[in-house]
Amino acid sequence: MAERIPQNLANHAKVDPPFHYVLLPTLLVTLVLAIVNVVRHYDTLAAWLFVLLTFAAVIAAFRIRLYSLRVQDRVIRLEERLRLSALLSEPLSSRIGELTESQLIAIRFASDEELPGLVEKALSSKMSNADIKKAITVWRADYFRV
């Protein structure tokens, strides 16, 4: 098995090749062809149905992808709340609920050692997820994101 490249701020975004390089281009080309077909044969029901079904397939593909990402975000939030409750001491652990969804999702990349300081900074200065990721010095990889 090939060794994984260490994750960091520059390379942590995930690309799903079957989705991004096969499904999306195929659907977009099909939509363009369907529109060209309806322009050429505007008076046929089949041409309009093809556009309608292709448009529905494009929407379905995006929604399916977004639903899976949303479920993953929920799991990440739960995992991070459990991790924070185990690693943070009072009074910081009582403030876990003040972290926003995007802050919790970004904090997952922080190592256990820098987590308390980063959480305190995120809460006090209302850091964005991008700022939190930039502030992380020891990156904790998340290879399971789809």
Protein backbone atom coordinates (compact mmCIF):
# COMPACT_ATOMS: atom_id res chain seq x y z
CA MET A 1 0.00 0.00 0.00
CA ALA A 2 1.34 3.42 -0.93
CA GLU A 3 2.29 5.70 1.92
CA ARG A 4 0.01 8.68 2.38
CA ILE A 5 1.30 12.17 1.83
CA PRO A 6 1.21 14.09 5.12
CA GLN A 7 -1.78 16.40 5.20
CA ASN A 8 -1.43 20.14 5.76
CA LEU A 9 -3.33 23.34 5.04
CA ALA A 10 -2.26 23.36 1.39
CA ASN A 11 -3.34 19.81 0.51
CA HIS A 12 -6.16 18.89 2.90
CA ALA A 13 -9.04 19.58 0.48
CA LYS A 14 -10.41 16.34 -0.93
CA VAL A 15 -11.18 15.67 -4.58
CA ASP A 16 -13.29 12.63 -5.39
CA PRO A 17 -12.10 11.64 -8.91
CA PRO A 18 -15.18 9.60 -9.94
CA PHE A 19 -17.44 12.52 -8.95
CA HIS A 20 -15.31 15.50 -9.99
CA TYR A 21 -13.67 14.07 -13.13
CA VAL A 22 -16.25 11.61 -14.48
CA LEU A 23 -19.80 12.24 -13.24
CA LEU A 24 -19.84 16.06 -13.27
CA PRO A 25 -18.24 16.50 -16.72
CA THR A 26 -20.48 13.79 -18.16
CA LEU A 27 -23.60 15.44 -16.77
CA LEU A 28 -22.54 18.91 -17.91
CA VAL A 29 -21.75 17.72 -21.45
CA THR A 30 -25.08 15.88 -21.52
CA LEU A 31 -26.90 19.02 -20.39
CA VAL A 32 -25.22 21.10 -23.11
CA LEU A 33 -26.11 18.49 -25.74
CA ALA A 34 -29.69 18.36 -24.47
CA ILE A 35 -29.97 22.14 -24.76
CA VAL A 36 -28.52 22.05 -28.29
CA ASN A 37 -31.02 19.32 -29.14
CA VAL A 38 -33.97 21.34 -27.83
CA VAL A 39 -32.80 24.39 -29.82
CA ARG A 40 -32.69 22.31 -33.00
CA HIS A 41 -35.92 20.41 -32.28
CA TYR A 42 -37.87 22.84 -30.09
CA ASP A 43 -41.20 21.46 -31.26
CA THR A 44 -40.66 17.87 -30.07
CA LEU A 45 -41.63 16.64 -26.65
CA ALA A 46 -38.70 14.21 -26.52
CA ALA A 47 -36.17 17.06 -26.77
CA TRP A 48 -37.78 18.91 -23.85
CA LEU A 49 -38.00 15.73 -21.78
CA PHE A 50 -34.30 15.07 -22.37
CA VAL A 51 -33.43 18.57 -21.09
CA LEU A 52 -35.71 18.13 -18.09
CA LEU A 53 -34.30 14.73 -17.13
CA THR A 54 -30.70 15.85 -17.63
CA PHE A 55 -31.29 18.94 -15.50
CA ALA A 56 -32.83 16.73 -12.81
CA ALA A 57 -29.80 14.42 -12.94
CA VAL A 58 -27.42 17.38 -12.47
CA ILE A 59 -29.39 18.59 -9.45
CA ALA A 60 -29.55 15.04 -8.03
CA ALA A 61 -25.79 14.57 -8.37
CA PHE A 62 -25.05 17.80 -6.49
CA ARG A 63 -27.63 17.08 -3.79
CA ILE A 64 -26.34 13.54 -3.23
CA ARG A 65 -22.80 14.86 -2.84
CA LEU A 66 -23.93 17.62 -0.47
CA TYR A 67 -25.97 15.21 1.65
CA SER A 68 -22.96 12.95 2.21
CA LEU A 69 -20.80 15.93 3.15
CA ARG A 70 -23.47 17.15 5.55
CA VAL A 71 -23.61 13.75 7.27
CA GLN A 72 -19.84 13.75 7.58
CA ASP A 73 -19.95 17.21 9.13
CA ARG A 74 -22.43 15.95 11.73
CA VAL A 75 -20.16 13.03 12.61
CA ILE A 76 -17.13 15.34 12.79
CA ARG A 77 -19.01 17.70 15.14
CA LEU A 78 -19.90 14.81 17.42
CA GLU A 79 -16.35 13.42 17.39
CA GLU A 80 -14.86 16.82 18.12
CA ARG A 81 -17.26 17.54 20.98
CA LEU A 82 -16.28 14.21 22.55
CA ARG A 83 -12.59 14.91 21.95
CA LEU A 84 -12.87 18.43 23.39
CA SER A 85 -14.73 17.24 26.48
CA ALA A 86 -11.96 14.71 27.11
CA LEU A 87 -9.06 17.11 26.50
CA LEU A 88 -10.26 20.46 27.84
CA SER A 89 -10.37 21.41 31.48
CA GLU A 90 -12.84 23.77 33.12
CA PRO A 91 -13.85 26.51 32.44
CA LEU A 92 -13.02 25.89 28.77
CA SER A 93 -14.86 22.56 28.53
CA SER A 94 -18.11 24.23 29.59
CA ARG A 95 -17.81 26.54 26.56
CA ILE A 96 -17.67 23.79 23.91
CA GLY A 97 -21.25 24.59 22.92
CA GLU A 98 -20.20 28.12 21.94
CA LEU A 99 -18.08 26.84 19.06
CA THR A 100 -19.77 27.12 15.69
CA GLU A 101 -20.18 24.19 13.33
CA SER A 102 -17.44 25.45 11.03
CA GLN A 103 -15.08 26.05 13.97
CA LEU A 104 -15.60 22.48 15.21
CA ILE A 105 -14.98 21.09 11.75
CA ALA A 106 -11.77 23.14 11.36
CA ILE A 107 -10.49 22.29 14.86
CA ARG A 108 -10.39 18.59 13.99
CA PHE A 109 -7.04 19.20 12.28
CA ALA A 110 -5.39 20.52 15.46
CA SER A 111 -3.16 18.23 17.49
CA ASP A 112 -4.15 17.36 21.05
CA GLU A 113 -1.33 19.50 22.45
CA GLU A 114 -2.33 22.74 20.73
CA LEU A 115 -6.09 22.16 21.02
CA PRO A 116 -6.77 24.00 24.33
CA GLY A 117 -4.98 27.17 23.24
CA LEU A 118 -6.61 27.12 19.83
CA VAL A 119 -10.10 26.62 21.27
CA GLU A 120 -9.60 29.50 23.68
CA LYS A 121 -8.35 31.73 20.86
CA ALA A 122 -11.21 30.66 18.56
CA LEU A 123 -13.80 31.46 21.22
CA SER A 124 -12.30 34.78 22.31
CA SER A 125 -11.65 36.19 18.85
CA LYS A 126 -14.47 34.47 16.90
CA MET A 127 -12.00 32.92 14.45
CA SER A 128 -13.27 31.67 11.10
CA ASN A 129 -12.59 28.12 9.98
CA ALA A 130 -9.91 29.38 7.57
CA ASP A 131 -8.19 31.30 10.38
CA ILE A 132 -8.30 28.26 12.64
CA LYS A 133 -6.70 26.08 9.96
CA LYS A 134 -3.99 28.71 9.37
CA ALA A 135 -3.25 28.86 13.10
CA ILE A 136 -2.62 25.11 13.40
CA THR A 137 1.07 24.31 13.71
CA VAL A 138 0.93 20.52 14.15
CA TRP A 139 -1.55 19.15 11.62
CA ARG A 140 -3.73 16.16 12.58
CA ALA A 141 -4.70 14.52 9.29
CA ASP A 142 -8.23 13.50 8.33
CA TYR A 143 -7.91 10.93 5.53
CA PHE A 144 -11.47 9.64 5.88
CA ARG A 145 -13.27 12.65 4.41
CA VAL A 146 -14.99 11.82 1.14
